[in-house]
Amino acid sequence: MFENFLQSDVAENFKQYGQWLILILSILSLMLVSSVKHETRLKGYILTGISRFSGALVFLLVDLPAFVIANLIQTYIAFRGYYKNKKAREEDKDDKPHKTD
C-alpha cells in the first residue's frame, strides 16, 4: 500500500512542490530564530521543528534514510531549544525584582 502511494501523482506532487514550501519555511524559521526579540525567537524554534519534520517526510518518500535521521535530530534540537529558551525566559522574569509603587 505504501509503495502504491509512493508511485502516485499525489506523492510526486508532494515531492515536487513540497520541497519548495519546506525551503521557504526553513528560511523563514532561520530569520525568526536570529531575531533579538525573545518571542520571535521562540516562534522560530517552533517553525524550525515543523520544517525539519516536514523535510524528514520528504526524504522518507525519496528513500534517503540518512537525511530522514538528520532532519529528525534537527527537529528534536529545535523543540528542545524552544523549551530551554522558554524556561530560561520564565526564570529570568521570576528572578527580577518587581517594581512597587
C-alpha atoms as a PDB file:
ATOM      1  CA  MET A   1       0.000   0.000   0.000  1.00  0.00           C
ATOM      2  CA  PHE A   2       2.797   2.442   0.924  1.00  0.00           C
ATOM      3  CA  GLU A   3       4.608   1.585  -2.314  1.00  0.00           C
ATOM      4  CA  ASN A   4       1.461   2.418  -4.282  1.00  0.00           C
ATOM      5  CA  PHE A   5       1.328   5.818  -2.581  1.00  0.00           C
ATOM      6  CA  LEU A   6       4.974   6.489  -3.426  1.00  0.00           C
ATOM      7  CA  GLN A   7       4.234   5.909  -7.097  1.00  0.00           C
ATOM      8  CA  SER A   8       1.055   8.028  -7.129  1.00  0.00           C
ATOM      9  CA  ASP A   9       0.614  11.512  -8.546  1.00  0.00           C
ATOM     10  CA  VAL A  10      -0.047  12.873  -5.055  1.00  0.00           C
ATOM     11  CA  ALA A  11       3.348  11.707  -3.830  1.00  0.00           C
ATOM     12  CA  GLU A  12       5.025  13.060  -6.952  1.00  0.00           C
ATOM     13  CA  ASN A  13       3.370  16.458  -6.497  1.00  0.00           C
ATOM     14  CA  PHE A  14       4.315  16.478  -2.829  1.00  0.00           C
ATOM     15  CA  LYS A  15       7.936  15.760  -3.679  1.00  0.00           C
ATOM     16  CA  GLN A  16       7.985  18.320  -6.469  1.00  0.00           C
ATOM     17  CA  TYR A  17       6.242  21.236  -4.746  1.00  0.00           C
ATOM     18  CA  GLY A  18       6.589  20.309  -1.076  1.00  0.00           C
ATOM     19  CA  GLN A  19      10.344  20.687  -1.187  1.00  0.00           C
ATOM     20  CA  TRP A  20       9.984  24.370  -2.130  1.00  0.00           C
ATOM     21  CA  LEU A  21       7.457  25.001   0.605  1.00  0.00           C
ATOM     22  CA  ILE A  22       9.810  23.369   3.097  1.00  0.00           C
ATOM     23  CA  LEU A  23      12.664  25.540   1.816  1.00  0.00           C
ATOM     24  CA  ILE A  24      10.598  28.694   2.344  1.00  0.00           C
ATOM     25  CA  LEU A  25       9.608  27.544   5.848  1.00  0.00           C
ATOM     26  CA  SER A  26      13.252  26.798   6.658  1.00  0.00           C
ATOM     27  CA  ILE A  27      14.418  30.245   5.525  1.00  0.00           C
ATOM     28  CA  LEU A  28      11.620  31.941   7.452  1.00  0.00           C
ATOM     29  CA  SER A  29      12.430  29.919  10.569  1.00  0.00           C
ATOM     30  CA  LEU A  30      16.101  30.939  10.367  1.00  0.00           C
ATOM     31  CA  MET A  31      15.076  34.575  10.121  1.00  0.00           C
ATOM     32  CA  LEU A  32      12.858  34.201  13.188  1.00  0.00           C
ATOM     33  CA  VAL A  33      15.454  32.310  15.236  1.00  0.00           C
ATOM     34  CA  SER A  34      18.041  35.013  14.556  1.00  0.00           C
ATOM     35  CA  SER A  35      15.780  37.725  15.967  1.00  0.00           C
ATOM     36  CA  VAL A  36      16.793  39.668  19.070  1.00  0.00           C
ATOM     37  CA  LYS A  37      13.200  39.557  20.331  1.00  0.00           C
ATOM     38  CA  HIS A  38      12.602  36.587  22.598  1.00  0.00           C
ATOM     39  CA  GLU A  39       9.040  35.796  21.484  1.00  0.00           C
ATOM     40  CA  THR A  40      10.055  35.935  17.821  1.00  0.00           C
ATOM     41  CA  ARG A  41      12.943  33.536  18.506  1.00  0.00           C
ATOM     42  CA  LEU A  42      10.546  31.098  20.193  1.00  0.00           C
ATOM     43  CA  LYS A  43       8.313  31.158  17.106  1.00  0.00           C
ATOM     44  CA  GLY A  44      11.420  30.457  15.036  1.00  0.00           C
ATOM     45  CA  TYR A  45      12.212  27.357  17.087  1.00  0.00           C
ATOM     46  CA  ILE A  46       8.681  26.034  16.538  1.00  0.00           C
ATOM     47  CA  LEU A  47       8.793  26.754  12.807  1.00  0.00           C
ATOM     48  CA  THR A  48      12.239  25.145  12.565  1.00  0.00           C
ATOM     49  CA  GLY A  49      10.896  21.983  14.180  1.00  0.00           C
ATOM     50  CA  ILE A  50       7.929  21.886  11.809  1.00  0.00           C
ATOM     51  CA  SER A  51      10.021  22.488   8.696  1.00  0.00           C
ATOM     52  CA  ARG A  52      12.664  19.915   9.685  1.00  0.00           C
ATOM     53  CA  PHE A  53       9.969  17.313  10.397  1.00  0.00           C
ATOM     54  CA  SER A  54       8.399  18.073   7.015  1.00  0.00           C
ATOM     55  CA  GLY A  55      11.821  17.656   5.428  1.00  0.00           C
ATOM     56  CA  ALA A  56      12.132  14.262   7.092  1.00  0.00           C
ATOM     57  CA  LEU A  57       8.846  13.221   5.484  1.00  0.00           C
ATOM     58  CA  VAL A  58      10.045  14.274   2.033  1.00  0.00           C
ATOM     59  CA  PHE A  59      13.330  12.415   2.478  1.00  0.00           C
ATOM     60  CA  LEU A  60      11.359   9.381   3.614  1.00  0.00           C
ATOM     61  CA  LEU A  61       9.397   9.498   0.359  1.00  0.00           C
ATOM     62  CA  VAL A  62      12.546   9.618  -1.761  1.00  0.00           C
ATOM     63  CA  ASP A  63      14.189   6.890   0.312  1.00  0.00           C
ATOM     64  CA  LEU A  64      17.126   8.826   1.806  1.00  0.00           C
ATOM     65  CA  PRO A  65      17.283   7.446   5.364  1.00  0.00           C
ATOM     66  CA  ALA A  66      20.381   9.400   6.432  1.00  0.00           C
ATOM     67  CA  PHE A  67      18.610  12.678   5.670  1.00  0.00           C
ATOM     68  CA  VAL A  68      15.494  11.461   7.483  1.00  0.00           C
ATOM     69  CA  ILE A  69      17.599  10.807  10.584  1.00  0.00           C
ATOM     70  CA  ALA A  70      19.375  14.178  10.239  1.00  0.00           C
ATOM     71  CA  ASN A  71      16.070  16.036   9.972  1.00  0.00           C
ATOM     72  CA  LEU A  72      14.587  14.200  12.947  1.00  0.00           C
ATOM     73  CA  ILE A  73      17.645  15.131  15.021  1.00  0.00           C
ATOM     74  CA  GLN A  74      17.253  18.764  13.941  1.00  0.00           C
ATOM     75  CA  THR A  75      13.559  18.584  14.854  1.00  0.00           C
ATOM     76  CA  TYR A  76      14.462  17.380  18.343  1.00  0.00           C
ATOM     77  CA  ILE A  77      17.109  20.098  18.747  1.00  0.00           C
ATOM     78  CA  ALA A  78      14.677  22.811  17.614  1.00  0.00           C
ATOM     79  CA  PHE A  79      11.938  21.790  20.047  1.00  0.00           C
ATOM     80  CA  ARG A  80      14.487  21.359  22.843  1.00  0.00           C
ATOM     81  CA  GLY A  81      15.789  24.862  22.074  1.00  0.00           C
ATOM     82  CA  TYR A  82      12.253  26.207  22.297  1.00  0.00           C
ATOM     83  CA  TYR A  83      11.675  24.539  25.651  1.00  0.00           C
ATOM     84  CA  LYS A  84      15.006  25.654  27.124  1.00  0.00           C
ATOM     85  CA  ASN A  85      14.632  29.249  25.933  1.00  0.00           C
ATOM     86  CA  LYS A  86      11.059  29.490  27.160  1.00  0.00           C
ATOM     87  CA  LYS A  87      12.053  28.067  30.552  1.00  0.00           C
ATOM     88  CA  ALA A  88      15.093  30.380  30.826  1.00  0.00           C
ATOM     89  CA  ARG A  89      12.949  33.406  29.997  1.00  0.00           C
ATOM     90  CA  GLU A  90      10.393  32.475  32.665  1.00  0.00           C
ATOM     91  CA  GLU A  91      13.159  32.017  35.233  1.00  0.00           C
ATOM     92  CA  ASP A  92      14.626  35.419  34.311  1.00  0.00           C
ATOM     93  CA  LYS A  93      11.240  37.031  34.839  1.00  0.00           C
ATOM     94  CA  ASP A  94      10.913  35.373  38.247  1.00  0.00           C
ATOM     95  CA  ASP A  95      14.409  36.486  39.341  1.00  0.00           C
ATOM     96  CA  LYS A  96      13.928  40.156  38.509  1.00  0.00           C
ATOM     97  CA  PRO A  97      12.612  42.341  41.322  1.00  0.00           C
ATOM     98  CA  HIS A  98       9.143  43.707  40.739  1.00  0.00           C
ATOM     99  CA  LYS A  99       8.593  47.452  40.791  1.00  0.00           C
ATOM    100  CA  THR A 100       6.328  48.664  43.526  1.00  0.00           C
ATOM    101  CA  ASP A 101       4.520  51.977  43.663  1.00  0.00           C
END
